[in-house]
Amino acid sequence: MRVPDARSHSLAAVRPFARIAPLTEADAGRGLLYAIALGIDVTVQDETIERRRSTLSLLCASLGHLVNLTVAAEYVALEEPPPPVLRIVRQTTAGAVRLIWQALQTHAAEVGYAPGPWRDVAAREASLVVAHGADRQTAGCAELGDVPRLALRHVAAAIEVGAGDRMAVPGELASALGLLTPVYLLATEMLD
C-alpha cells in the first residue's frame, strides 16, 4: 500500500471508513437519526403520507436510492470526489435510510413489535462496519461501493421473506441501516 504524500480525499488507499473510525454505538445512533431527518427532504414526502404507505411500497422506493447510491459510491471510491458527488452520496443515503426506517416502523405497527431496539441493532451494526469492514464474517475491508450493494441485498431479502417469515424483516432492515449509516457519516465528514 502506498502512503500518499499529501492529504487526499481518495478512499482507494485506505479502509473505506478509516476517516470516521472509531465509531461508537451512540455516535452511530445519532448519525442514523440525522440521516433519517435529512431523508425527508430527499424523499419529498410528508410524514403522514409516508406513514400511509405499506412496508413493501417503502422498501421498493428505497431500492431506487440504493441503486443510485451504489453507482455514486463506486465513483467516490475510485476518484477524489468533488463536493457535488459527496452531496449526492449523502442525500441519496439519507433518502434510502429514511425509507427503510419508515418501512421498519410501518412493519412494526403491522406485526406488533417495538422498532426502537432494532434502531439499536442498526447502530451496533454500523459501529462494527466501521471497525471491521462491511464483510464482518471475514472481518475484511470491503470497497465503499460494496456497502450499498450489501444493503440492497438486505432490503431485497426483507421484501422476499416479508410474507413468509415476518420476524426476519426487522433484522434484514436493521442490517441495511447499519450498513448505510457509515456511508452517510463518511460523506458528511468528507464534506466538512
N, C-alpha and C. Protein backbone atom coordinates (compact mmCIF):
# COMPACT_ATOMS: atom_id res chain seq x y z
N MET A 1 0.85 -1.18 0.00
CA MET A 1 0.00 0.00 0.00
C MET A 1 0.89 1.23 0.00
N ARG A 2 0.58 2.17 -0.87
CA ARG A 2 1.33 3.42 -0.98
C ARG A 2 0.71 4.45 -0.05
N VAL A 3 1.54 5.11 0.73
CA VAL A 3 1.06 6.18 1.60
C VAL A 3 1.16 7.48 0.82
N PRO A 4 0.05 8.21 0.65
CA PRO A 4 0.10 9.45 -0.12
C PRO A 4 0.91 10.51 0.61
N ASP A 5 1.60 11.38 -0.18
CA ASP A 5 2.41 12.45 0.40
C ASP A 5 1.54 13.55 0.98
N ALA A 6 0.48 13.89 0.28
CA ALA A 6 -0.41 14.96 0.73
C ALA A 6 -1.75 14.35 1.15
N ARG A 7 -2.46 15.13 1.97
CA ARG A 7 -3.78 14.66 2.39
C ARG A 7 -4.67 14.51 1.16
N SER A 8 -5.35 13.39 1.09
CA SER A 8 -6.17 13.07 -0.06
C SER A 8 -7.55 12.67 0.39
N HIS A 9 -8.54 12.99 -0.43
CA HIS A 9 -9.90 12.54 -0.15
C HIS A 9 -10.15 11.17 -0.76
N SER A 10 -9.20 10.66 -1.52
CA SER A 10 -9.38 9.38 -2.18
C SER A 10 -9.45 8.25 -1.14
N LEU A 11 -10.37 7.34 -1.37
CA LEU A 11 -10.52 6.22 -0.45
C LEU A 11 -9.84 4.97 -0.98
N ALA A 12 -9.19 5.07 -2.14
CA ALA A 12 -8.59 3.89 -2.75
C ALA A 12 -7.42 3.36 -1.93
N ALA A 13 -6.71 4.23 -1.20
CA ALA A 13 -5.50 3.82 -0.49
C ALA A 13 -5.75 3.45 0.97
N VAL A 14 -6.96 3.66 1.47
CA VAL A 14 -7.24 3.39 2.88
C VAL A 14 -8.52 2.59 3.03
N ARG A 15 -8.74 2.04 4.22
CA ARG A 15 -10.02 1.40 4.52
C ARG A 15 -11.12 2.42 4.25
N PRO A 16 -12.25 1.99 3.74
CA PRO A 16 -13.29 2.94 3.39
C PRO A 16 -13.74 3.85 4.54
N PHE A 17 -13.78 3.33 5.76
CA PHE A 17 -14.33 4.12 6.85
C PHE A 17 -13.27 4.57 7.86
N ALA A 18 -12.00 4.56 7.46
CA ALA A 18 -10.94 4.96 8.37
C ALA A 18 -11.11 6.41 8.84
N ARG A 19 -11.70 7.25 8.00
CA ARG A 19 -11.87 8.67 8.36
C ARG A 19 -12.85 8.88 9.49
N ILE A 20 -13.76 7.94 9.71
CA ILE A 20 -14.75 8.12 10.78
C ILE A 20 -14.55 7.13 11.93
N ALA A 21 -13.46 6.38 11.88
CA ALA A 21 -13.18 5.40 12.95
C ALA A 21 -12.49 6.10 14.11
N PRO A 22 -12.71 5.65 15.32
CA PRO A 22 -13.70 4.67 15.76
C PRO A 22 -15.09 5.31 15.83
N LEU A 23 -16.09 4.50 15.63
CA LEU A 23 -17.48 4.96 15.69
C LEU A 23 -18.18 4.20 16.81
N THR A 24 -18.56 4.94 17.85
CA THR A 24 -19.26 4.29 18.96
C THR A 24 -20.71 4.02 18.55
N GLU A 25 -21.36 3.14 19.28
CA GLU A 25 -22.77 2.86 19.01
C GLU A 25 -23.61 4.12 19.20
N ALA A 26 -23.27 4.94 20.21
CA ALA A 26 -24.02 6.16 20.46
C ALA A 26 -23.89 7.13 19.28
N ASP A 27 -22.67 7.29 18.77
CA ASP A 27 -22.44 8.16 17.61
C ASP A 27 -23.15 7.61 16.37
N ALA A 28 -23.11 6.29 16.20
CA ALA A 28 -23.81 5.67 15.07
C ALA A 28 -25.31 5.89 15.19
N GLY A 29 -25.85 5.78 16.39
CA GLY A 29 -27.28 6.02 16.61
C GLY A 29 -27.67 7.45 16.27
N ARG A 30 -26.81 8.41 16.68
CA ARG A 30 -27.08 9.82 16.33
C ARG A 30 -26.98 10.03 14.82
N GLY A 31 -26.00 9.42 14.20
CA GLY A 31 -25.85 9.54 12.76
C GLY A 31 -27.06 8.98 12.02
N LEU A 32 -27.58 7.86 12.51
CA LEU A 32 -28.78 7.28 11.91
C LEU A 32 -29.96 8.24 12.02
N LEU A 33 -30.12 8.86 13.18
CA LEU A 33 -31.22 9.81 13.36
C LEU A 33 -31.05 11.04 12.46
N TYR A 34 -29.81 11.52 12.30
CA TYR A 34 -29.56 12.65 11.39
C TYR A 34 -29.91 12.28 9.96
N ALA A 35 -29.52 11.08 9.55
CA ALA A 35 -29.82 10.63 8.18
C ALA A 35 -31.33 10.52 7.97
N ILE A 36 -32.03 10.00 8.97
CA ILE A 36 -33.50 9.90 8.87
C ILE A 36 -34.11 11.29 8.74
N ALA A 37 -33.60 12.24 9.52
CA ALA A 37 -34.13 13.61 9.47
C ALA A 37 -33.86 14.28 8.12
N LEU A 38 -32.65 14.13 7.59
CA LEU A 38 -32.33 14.71 6.28
C LEU A 38 -33.09 14.01 5.17
N GLY A 39 -33.36 12.75 5.35
CA GLY A 39 -34.02 11.95 4.32
C GLY A 39 -35.39 12.45 3.93
N ILE A 40 -36.08 13.12 4.83
CA ILE A 40 -37.42 13.61 4.49
C ILE A 40 -37.34 14.69 3.40
N ASP A 41 -36.24 15.43 3.38
CA ASP A 41 -36.05 16.42 2.32
C ASP A 41 -35.79 15.75 0.98
N VAL A 42 -35.15 14.59 1.03
CA VAL A 42 -34.80 13.87 -0.19
C VAL A 42 -36.00 13.14 -0.77
N THR A 43 -36.79 12.51 0.10
CA THR A 43 -37.93 11.74 -0.38
C THR A 43 -39.10 12.64 -0.78
N VAL A 44 -39.07 13.89 -0.35
CA VAL A 44 -40.07 14.90 -0.69
C VAL A 44 -41.49 14.39 -0.40
N GLN A 45 -41.64 13.83 0.77
CA GLN A 45 -42.96 13.35 1.19
C GLN A 45 -43.24 13.85 2.59
N ASP A 46 -44.47 14.11 2.83
CA ASP A 46 -44.92 14.47 4.15
C ASP A 46 -44.91 13.22 5.02
N GLU A 47 -44.65 13.39 6.32
CA GLU A 47 -44.62 12.23 7.22
C GLU A 47 -45.93 11.47 7.23
N THR A 48 -47.03 12.19 7.14
CA THR A 48 -48.33 11.49 7.17
C THR A 48 -48.52 10.64 5.92
N ILE A 49 -48.02 11.11 4.79
CA ILE A 49 -48.10 10.31 3.56
C ILE A 49 -47.21 9.08 3.69
N GLU A 50 -45.99 9.26 4.23
CA GLU A 50 -45.08 8.13 4.43
C GLU A 50 -45.73 7.07 5.31
N ARG A 51 -46.40 7.51 6.35
CA ARG A 51 -46.99 6.57 7.31
C ARG A 51 -48.16 5.78 6.71
N ARG A 52 -48.76 6.31 5.64
CA ARG A 52 -49.86 5.60 4.98
C ARG A 52 -49.38 4.57 3.97
N ARG A 53 -48.11 4.65 3.58
CA ARG A 53 -47.59 3.71 2.60
C ARG A 53 -47.30 2.36 3.26
N SER A 54 -47.40 1.31 2.48
CA SER A 54 -47.14 -0.02 3.01
C SER A 54 -45.63 -0.25 3.14
N THR A 55 -45.30 -1.26 3.92
CA THR A 55 -43.90 -1.65 4.08
C THR A 55 -43.28 -1.96 2.72
N LEU A 56 -43.98 -2.74 1.93
CA LEU A 56 -43.48 -3.12 0.61
C LEU A 56 -43.26 -1.89 -0.28
N SER A 57 -44.20 -0.97 -0.28
CA SER A 57 -44.08 0.24 -1.09
C SER A 57 -42.85 1.06 -0.68
N LEU A 58 -42.63 1.21 0.60
CA LEU A 58 -41.47 1.97 1.09
C LEU A 58 -40.16 1.27 0.73
N LEU A 59 -40.13 -0.04 0.87
CA LEU A 59 -38.90 -0.78 0.54
C LEU A 59 -38.60 -0.73 -0.95
N CYS A 60 -39.63 -0.84 -1.77
CA CYS A 60 -39.42 -0.75 -3.22
C CYS A 60 -38.91 0.64 -3.60
N ALA A 61 -39.43 1.67 -2.96
CA ALA A 61 -38.94 3.03 -3.22
C ALA A 61 -37.48 3.19 -2.81
N SER A 62 -37.09 2.50 -1.73
CA SER A 62 -35.69 2.61 -1.28
C SER A 62 -34.72 1.96 -2.25
N LEU A 63 -35.19 0.98 -3.02
CA LEU A 63 -34.30 0.29 -3.96
C LEU A 63 -33.72 1.24 -5.00
N GLY A 64 -34.52 2.18 -5.48
CA GLY A 64 -34.02 3.16 -6.45
C GLY A 64 -32.89 3.99 -5.86
N HIS A 65 -33.05 4.41 -4.61
CA HIS A 65 -31.99 5.17 -3.95
C HIS A 65 -30.74 4.31 -3.79
N LEU A 66 -30.92 3.05 -3.45
CA LEU A 66 -29.77 2.18 -3.23
C LEU A 66 -29.00 1.90 -4.52
N VAL A 67 -29.70 1.76 -5.63
CA VAL A 67 -29.02 1.57 -6.92
C VAL A 67 -28.21 2.82 -7.26
N ASN A 68 -28.81 3.99 -7.13
CA ASN A 68 -28.10 5.24 -7.40
C ASN A 68 -26.91 5.40 -6.46
N LEU A 69 -27.09 5.05 -5.20
CA LEU A 69 -26.01 5.16 -4.23
C LEU A 69 -24.86 4.23 -4.57
N THR A 70 -25.16 3.04 -5.05
CA THR A 70 -24.10 2.09 -5.42
C THR A 70 -23.21 2.68 -6.51
N VAL A 71 -23.82 3.30 -7.50
CA VAL A 71 -23.06 3.92 -8.58
C VAL A 71 -22.22 5.08 -8.05
N ALA A 72 -22.83 5.95 -7.26
CA ALA A 72 -22.10 7.10 -6.72
C ALA A 72 -20.97 6.67 -5.79
N ALA A 73 -21.21 5.65 -4.98
CA ALA A 73 -20.17 5.18 -4.06
C ALA A 73 -18.99 4.58 -4.80
N GLU A 74 -19.25 3.92 -5.92
CA GLU A 74 -18.15 3.40 -6.75
C GLU A 74 -17.28 4.56 -7.24
N TYR A 75 -17.90 5.65 -7.64
CA TYR A 75 -17.16 6.81 -8.12
C TYR A 75 -16.34 7.42 -6.99
N VAL A 76 -16.92 7.53 -5.80
CA VAL A 76 -16.22 8.10 -4.66
C VAL A 76 -15.02 7.25 -4.30
N ALA A 77 -15.15 5.93 -4.39
CA ALA A 77 -14.04 5.04 -4.04
C ALA A 77 -12.89 5.12 -5.04
N LEU A 78 -13.16 5.48 -6.29
CA LEU A 78 -12.13 5.49 -7.32
C LEU A 78 -11.44 6.83 -7.49
N GLU A 79 -12.14 7.89 -7.27
CA GLU A 79 -11.61 9.22 -7.55
C GLU A 79 -11.60 10.08 -6.29
N GLU A 80 -10.95 11.24 -6.40
CA GLU A 80 -11.08 12.24 -5.36
C GLU A 80 -12.40 12.94 -5.64
N PRO A 81 -13.42 12.64 -4.86
CA PRO A 81 -14.76 13.12 -5.20
C PRO A 81 -14.94 14.61 -4.98
N PRO A 82 -15.52 15.29 -5.95
CA PRO A 82 -15.85 16.70 -5.75
C PRO A 82 -17.06 16.82 -4.82
N PRO A 83 -17.23 17.97 -4.18
CA PRO A 83 -18.35 18.15 -3.25
C PRO A 83 -19.73 17.81 -3.81
N PRO A 84 -20.02 18.11 -5.09
CA PRO A 84 -21.36 17.73 -5.58
C PRO A 84 -21.61 16.22 -5.53
N VAL A 85 -20.59 15.42 -5.79
CA VAL A 85 -20.74 13.97 -5.74
C VAL A 85 -20.94 13.52 -4.29
N LEU A 86 -20.19 14.12 -3.38
CA LEU A 86 -20.35 13.78 -1.97
C LEU A 86 -21.75 14.16 -1.47
N ARG A 87 -22.26 15.29 -1.94
CA ARG A 87 -23.63 15.68 -1.57
C ARG A 87 -24.65 14.67 -2.10
N ILE A 88 -24.42 14.19 -3.32
CA ILE A 88 -25.32 13.17 -3.89
C ILE A 88 -25.27 11.91 -3.03
N VAL A 89 -24.08 11.49 -2.63
CA VAL A 89 -23.95 10.30 -1.79
C VAL A 89 -24.68 10.51 -0.47
N ARG A 90 -24.44 11.67 0.16
CA ARG A 90 -25.08 11.92 1.45
C ARG A 90 -26.60 11.97 1.32
N GLN A 91 -27.10 12.68 0.32
CA GLN A 91 -28.54 12.83 0.17
C GLN A 91 -29.20 11.51 -0.24
N THR A 92 -28.58 10.80 -1.14
CA THR A 92 -29.15 9.52 -1.58
C THR A 92 -29.17 8.52 -0.44
N THR A 93 -28.10 8.51 0.35
CA THR A 93 -28.06 7.63 1.52
C THR A 93 -29.16 8.01 2.50
N ALA A 94 -29.30 9.31 2.75
CA ALA A 94 -30.33 9.77 3.69
C ALA A 94 -31.73 9.39 3.20
N GLY A 95 -31.97 9.50 1.90
CA GLY A 95 -33.26 9.11 1.36
C GLY A 95 -33.54 7.63 1.55
N ALA A 96 -32.53 6.80 1.27
CA ALA A 96 -32.70 5.35 1.46
C ALA A 96 -32.90 5.01 2.92
N VAL A 97 -32.11 5.63 3.79
CA VAL A 97 -32.23 5.37 5.23
C VAL A 97 -33.62 5.76 5.72
N ARG A 98 -34.10 6.91 5.27
CA ARG A 98 -35.43 7.38 5.68
C ARG A 98 -36.52 6.37 5.28
N LEU A 99 -36.47 5.93 4.04
CA LEU A 99 -37.49 4.99 3.56
C LEU A 99 -37.40 3.64 4.27
N ILE A 100 -36.19 3.16 4.48
CA ILE A 100 -36.02 1.88 5.17
C ILE A 100 -36.48 1.99 6.63
N TRP A 101 -36.13 3.09 7.28
CA TRP A 101 -36.57 3.29 8.67
C TRP A 101 -38.10 3.37 8.74
N GLN A 102 -38.69 4.11 7.82
CA GLN A 102 -40.15 4.22 7.82
C GLN A 102 -40.79 2.86 7.54
N ALA A 103 -40.18 2.07 6.66
CA ALA A 103 -40.68 0.71 6.40
C ALA A 103 -40.59 -0.14 7.67
N LEU A 104 -39.51 0.01 8.41
CA LEU A 104 -39.37 -0.73 9.66
C LEU A 104 -40.45 -0.33 10.66
N GLN A 105 -40.72 0.97 10.76
CA GLN A 105 -41.77 1.44 11.67
C GLN A 105 -43.15 0.94 11.23
N THR A 106 -43.41 0.98 9.94
CA THR A 106 -44.69 0.50 9.42
C THR A 106 -44.85 -0.99 9.68
N HIS A 107 -43.79 -1.74 9.41
CA HIS A 107 -43.82 -3.18 9.64
C HIS A 107 -44.04 -3.47 11.13
N ALA A 108 -43.38 -2.71 11.99
CA ALA A 108 -43.53 -2.90 13.44
C ALA A 108 -44.97 -2.68 13.87
N ALA A 109 -45.61 -1.66 13.30
CA ALA A 109 -47.00 -1.37 13.64
C ALA A 109 -47.93 -2.48 13.13
N GLU A 110 -47.62 -3.02 11.94
CA GLU A 110 -48.45 -4.08 11.37
C GLU A 110 -48.34 -5.39 12.15
N VAL A 111 -47.10 -5.72 12.56
CA VAL A 111 -46.84 -7.02 13.18
C VAL A 111 -46.99 -6.95 14.71
N GLY A 112 -46.64 -5.80 15.29
CA GLY A 112 -46.79 -5.64 16.73
C GLY A 112 -45.51 -5.78 17.53
N TYR A 113 -44.45 -5.10 17.13
CA TYR A 113 -43.22 -5.08 17.91
C TYR A 113 -42.72 -3.64 17.97
N ALA A 114 -41.82 -3.36 18.88
CA ALA A 114 -41.26 -2.02 19.03
C ALA A 114 -40.06 -1.85 18.10
N PRO A 115 -40.03 -0.77 17.31
CA PRO A 115 -38.90 -0.58 16.39
C PRO A 115 -37.63 -0.07 17.06
N GLY A 116 -37.75 0.52 18.25
CA GLY A 116 -36.59 1.10 18.93
C GLY A 116 -35.41 0.16 19.11
N PRO A 117 -35.64 -1.06 19.61
CA PRO A 117 -34.50 -1.98 19.75
C PRO A 117 -33.81 -2.29 18.43
N TRP A 118 -34.54 -2.25 17.34
CA TRP A 118 -33.92 -2.51 16.03
C TRP A 118 -33.06 -1.34 15.59
N ARG A 119 -33.39 -0.13 16.06
CA ARG A 119 -32.52 1.03 15.80
C ARG A 119 -31.20 0.82 16.53
N ASP A 120 -31.26 0.26 17.74
CA ASP A 120 -30.03 -0.04 18.49
C ASP A 120 -29.20 -1.11 17.78
N VAL A 121 -29.87 -2.10 17.21
CA VAL A 121 -29.15 -3.14 16.44
C VAL A 121 -28.46 -2.49 15.24
N ALA A 122 -29.15 -1.58 14.57
CA ALA A 122 -28.55 -0.89 13.41
C ALA A 122 -27.33 -0.08 13.84
N ALA A 123 -27.41 0.60 14.98
CA ALA A 123 -26.27 1.38 15.47
C ALA A 123 -25.09 0.47 15.79
N ARG A 124 -25.38 -0.67 16.40
CA ARG A 124 -24.32 -1.63 16.71
C ARG A 124 -23.68 -2.15 15.42
N GLU A 125 -24.51 -2.48 14.44
CA GLU A 125 -24.00 -2.95 13.14
C GLU A 125 -23.13 -1.88 12.48
N ALA A 126 -23.56 -0.62 12.56
CA ALA A 126 -22.79 0.47 11.94
C ALA A 126 -21.41 0.59 12.58
N SER A 127 -21.35 0.50 13.90
CA SER A 127 -20.03 0.60 14.54
C SER A 127 -19.15 -0.59 14.17
N LEU A 128 -19.75 -1.76 13.97
CA LEU A 128 -18.98 -2.93 13.54
C LEU A 128 -18.50 -2.78 12.10
N VAL A 129 -19.31 -2.21 11.24
CA VAL A 129 -18.91 -1.99 9.85
C VAL A 129 -17.70 -1.08 9.80
N VAL A 130 -17.71 -0.02 10.59
CA VAL A 130 -16.58 0.92 10.61
C VAL A 130 -15.34 0.23 11.18
N ALA A 131 -15.52 -0.57 12.21
CA ALA A 131 -14.37 -1.21 12.85
C ALA A 131 -13.78 -2.35 12.02
N HIS A 132 -14.64 -3.11 11.34
CA HIS A 132 -14.17 -4.34 10.70
C HIS A 132 -14.43 -4.42 9.21
N GLY A 133 -15.03 -3.44 8.61
CA GLY A 133 -15.39 -3.53 7.21
C GLY A 133 -16.78 -4.13 7.06
N ALA A 134 -17.33 -4.01 5.89
CA ALA A 134 -18.71 -4.44 5.66
C ALA A 134 -18.85 -5.95 5.70
N ASP A 135 -17.80 -6.68 5.38
CA ASP A 135 -17.87 -8.15 5.39
C ASP A 135 -17.42 -8.64 6.76
N ARG A 136 -18.34 -8.64 7.71
CA ARG A 136 -18.00 -8.96 9.09
C ARG A 136 -17.65 -10.43 9.28
N GLN A 137 -18.06 -11.29 8.37
CA GLN A 137 -17.77 -12.72 8.55
C GLN A 137 -16.29 -13.01 8.39
N THR A 138 -15.61 -12.26 7.54
CA THR A 138 -14.17 -12.46 7.40
C THR A 138 -13.40 -11.31 8.02
N ALA A 139 -14.11 -10.34 8.59
CA ALA A 139 -13.52 -9.14 9.18
C ALA A 139 -12.64 -8.43 8.15
N GLY A 140 -12.96 -8.61 6.88
CA GLY A 140 -12.20 -7.95 5.83
C GLY A 140 -12.76 -6.57 5.56
N CYS A 141 -12.05 -5.84 4.76
CA CYS A 141 -12.46 -4.48 4.45
C CYS A 141 -13.05 -4.45 3.04
N ALA A 142 -14.29 -4.10 2.95
CA ALA A 142 -14.96 -4.03 1.65
C ALA A 142 -14.66 -2.69 0.99
N GLU A 143 -14.81 -2.66 -0.31
CA GLU A 143 -14.76 -1.39 -1.03
C GLU A 143 -16.01 -0.60 -0.68
N LEU A 144 -15.94 0.70 -0.78
CA LEU A 144 -17.08 1.53 -0.43
C LEU A 144 -18.30 1.18 -1.28
N GLY A 145 -18.11 0.86 -2.54
CA GLY A 145 -19.22 0.51 -3.41
C GLY A 145 -19.92 -0.78 -3.01
N ASP A 146 -19.22 -1.64 -2.26
CA ASP A 146 -19.83 -2.89 -1.80
C ASP A 146 -20.88 -2.66 -0.72
N VAL A 147 -20.74 -1.58 0.03
CA VAL A 147 -21.60 -1.35 1.18
C VAL A 147 -23.06 -1.13 0.76
N PRO A 148 -23.35 -0.19 -0.16
CA PRO A 148 -24.76 -0.06 -0.56
C PRO A 148 -25.27 -1.30 -1.29
N ARG A 149 -24.39 -2.02 -1.97
CA ARG A 149 -24.79 -3.26 -2.63
C ARG A 149 -25.25 -4.30 -1.61
N LEU A 150 -24.51 -4.40 -0.51
CA LEU A 150 -24.91 -5.32 0.56
C LEU A 150 -26.22 -4.86 1.21
N ALA A 151 -26.38 -3.55 1.40
CA ALA A 151 -27.63 -3.02 1.96
C ALA A 151 -28.80 -3.35 1.03
N LEU A 152 -28.56 -3.23 -0.27
CA LEU A 152 -29.60 -3.57 -1.24
C LEU A 152 -30.01 -5.04 -1.10
N ARG A 153 -29.04 -5.90 -0.89
CA ARG A 153 -29.35 -7.33 -0.70
C ARG A 153 -30.21 -7.56 0.54
N HIS A 154 -29.92 -6.83 1.61
CA HIS A 154 -30.72 -6.97 2.83
C HIS A 154 -32.15 -6.50 2.61
N VAL A 155 -32.31 -5.38 1.90
CA VAL A 155 -33.66 -4.88 1.61
C VAL A 155 -34.40 -5.88 0.72
N ALA A 156 -33.72 -6.41 -0.29
CA ALA A 156 -34.35 -7.40 -1.16
C ALA A 156 -34.73 -8.65 -0.37
N ALA A 157 -33.89 -9.06 0.57
CA ALA A 157 -34.21 -10.22 1.41
C ALA A 157 -35.43 -9.92 2.28
N ALA A 158 -35.53 -8.71 2.79
CA ALA A 158 -36.70 -8.33 3.59
C ALA A 158 -37.97 -8.37 2.75
N ILE A 159 -37.87 -7.92 1.51
CA ILE A 159 -39.03 -7.98 0.61
C ILE A 159 -39.41 -9.43 0.34
N GLU A 160 -38.41 -10.26 0.11
CA GLU A 160 -38.66 -11.67 -0.23
C GLU A 160 -39.28 -12.44 0.93
N VAL A 161 -38.79 -12.23 2.14
CA VAL A 161 -39.31 -13.01 3.28
C VAL A 161 -40.51 -12.37 3.95
N GLY A 162 -40.85 -11.17 3.52
CA GLY A 162 -41.91 -10.40 4.18
C GLY A 162 -43.20 -11.15 4.42
N ALA A 163 -43.67 -11.90 3.46
CA ALA A 163 -44.94 -12.61 3.62
C ALA A 163 -44.77 -13.90 4.41
N GLY A 164 -43.63 -14.52 4.31
CA GLY A 164 -43.45 -15.83 4.94
C GLY A 164 -42.98 -15.75 6.38
N ASP A 165 -41.86 -15.11 6.62
CA ASP A 165 -41.28 -15.02 7.96
C ASP A 165 -41.22 -13.56 8.36
N ARG A 166 -42.31 -13.07 8.89
CA ARG A 166 -42.44 -11.64 9.18
C ARG A 166 -41.41 -11.13 10.19
N MET A 167 -40.93 -11.99 11.07
CA MET A 167 -39.95 -11.52 12.05
C MET A 167 -38.52 -11.55 11.53
N ALA A 168 -38.30 -12.00 10.31
CA ALA A 168 -36.98 -11.88 9.69
C ALA A 168 -36.80 -10.48 9.11
N VAL A 169 -37.89 -9.80 8.85
CA VAL A 169 -37.85 -8.48 8.21
C VAL A 169 -37.08 -7.46 9.04
N PRO A 170 -37.36 -7.28 10.34
CA PRO A 170 -36.64 -6.25 11.08
C PRO A 170 -35.13 -6.47 11.14
N GLY A 171 -34.70 -7.71 11.22
CA GLY A 171 -33.27 -7.98 11.23
C GLY A 171 -32.61 -7.59 9.93
N GLU A 172 -33.27 -7.89 8.81
CA GLU A 172 -32.72 -7.51 7.50
C GLU A 172 -32.66 -5.99 7.36
N LEU A 173 -33.71 -5.31 7.80
CA LEU A 173 -33.74 -3.85 7.68
C LEU A 173 -32.73 -3.19 8.62
N ALA A 174 -32.57 -3.73 9.83
CA ALA A 174 -31.57 -3.19 10.74
C ALA A 174 -30.17 -3.36 10.16
N SER A 175 -29.92 -4.49 9.51
CA SER A 175 -28.61 -4.69 8.87
C SER A 175 -28.39 -3.69 7.75
N ALA A 176 -29.42 -3.44 6.96
CA ALA A 176 -29.30 -2.45 5.88
C ALA A 176 -29.01 -1.07 6.46
N LEU A 177 -29.72 -0.70 7.51
CA LEU A 177 -29.50 0.60 8.15
C LEU A 177 -28.09 0.67 8.75
N GLY A 178 -27.62 -0.44 9.31
CA GLY A 178 -26.28 -0.48 9.87
C GLY A 178 -25.20 -0.33 8.82
N LEU A 179 -25.46 -0.78 7.63
CA LEU A 179 -24.50 -0.61 6.53
C LEU A 179 -24.53 0.81 5.97
N LEU A 180 -25.70 1.41 5.90
CA LEU A 180 -25.84 2.72 5.27
C LEU A 180 -25.43 3.88 6.17
N THR A 181 -25.58 3.73 7.46
CA THR A 181 -25.25 4.83 8.38
C THR A 181 -23.79 5.27 8.24
N PRO A 182 -22.81 4.35 8.19
CA PRO A 182 -21.43 4.82 8.00
C PRO A 182 -21.20 5.53 6.65
N VAL A 183 -21.92 5.14 5.62
CA VAL A 183 -21.78 5.81 4.32
C VAL A 183 -22.24 7.26 4.46
N TYR A 184 -23.37 7.46 5.12
CA TYR A 184 -23.88 8.81 5.36
C TYR A 184 -22.87 9.62 6.19
N LEU A 185 -22.36 9.04 7.26
CA LEU A 185 -21.41 9.74 8.12
C LEU A 185 -20.11 10.06 7.40
N LEU A 186 -19.64 9.14 6.56
CA LEU A 186 -18.41 9.36 5.80
C LEU A 186 -18.59 10.51 4.80
N ALA A 187 -19.70 10.51 4.07
CA ALA A 187 -19.95 11.60 3.11
C ALA A 187 -20.05 12.94 3.83
N THR A 188 -20.69 12.94 4.99
CA THR A 188 -20.80 14.17 5.78
C THR A 188 -19.43 14.64 6.23
N GLU A 189 -18.60 13.72 6.71
CA GLU A 189 -17.24 14.05 7.16
C GLU A 189 -16.41 14.60 6.00
N MET A 190 -16.52 14.00 4.84
CA MET A 190 -15.74 14.44 3.68
C MET A 190 -16.20 15.80 3.16
N LEU A 191 -17.44 16.16 3.43
CA LEU A 191 -17.93 17.47 3.01
C LEU A 191 -17.49 18.58 3.95
N ASP A 192 -17.19 18.23 5.20
CA ASP A 192 -16.79 19.25 6.19
C ASP A 192 -15.38 19.72 6.00
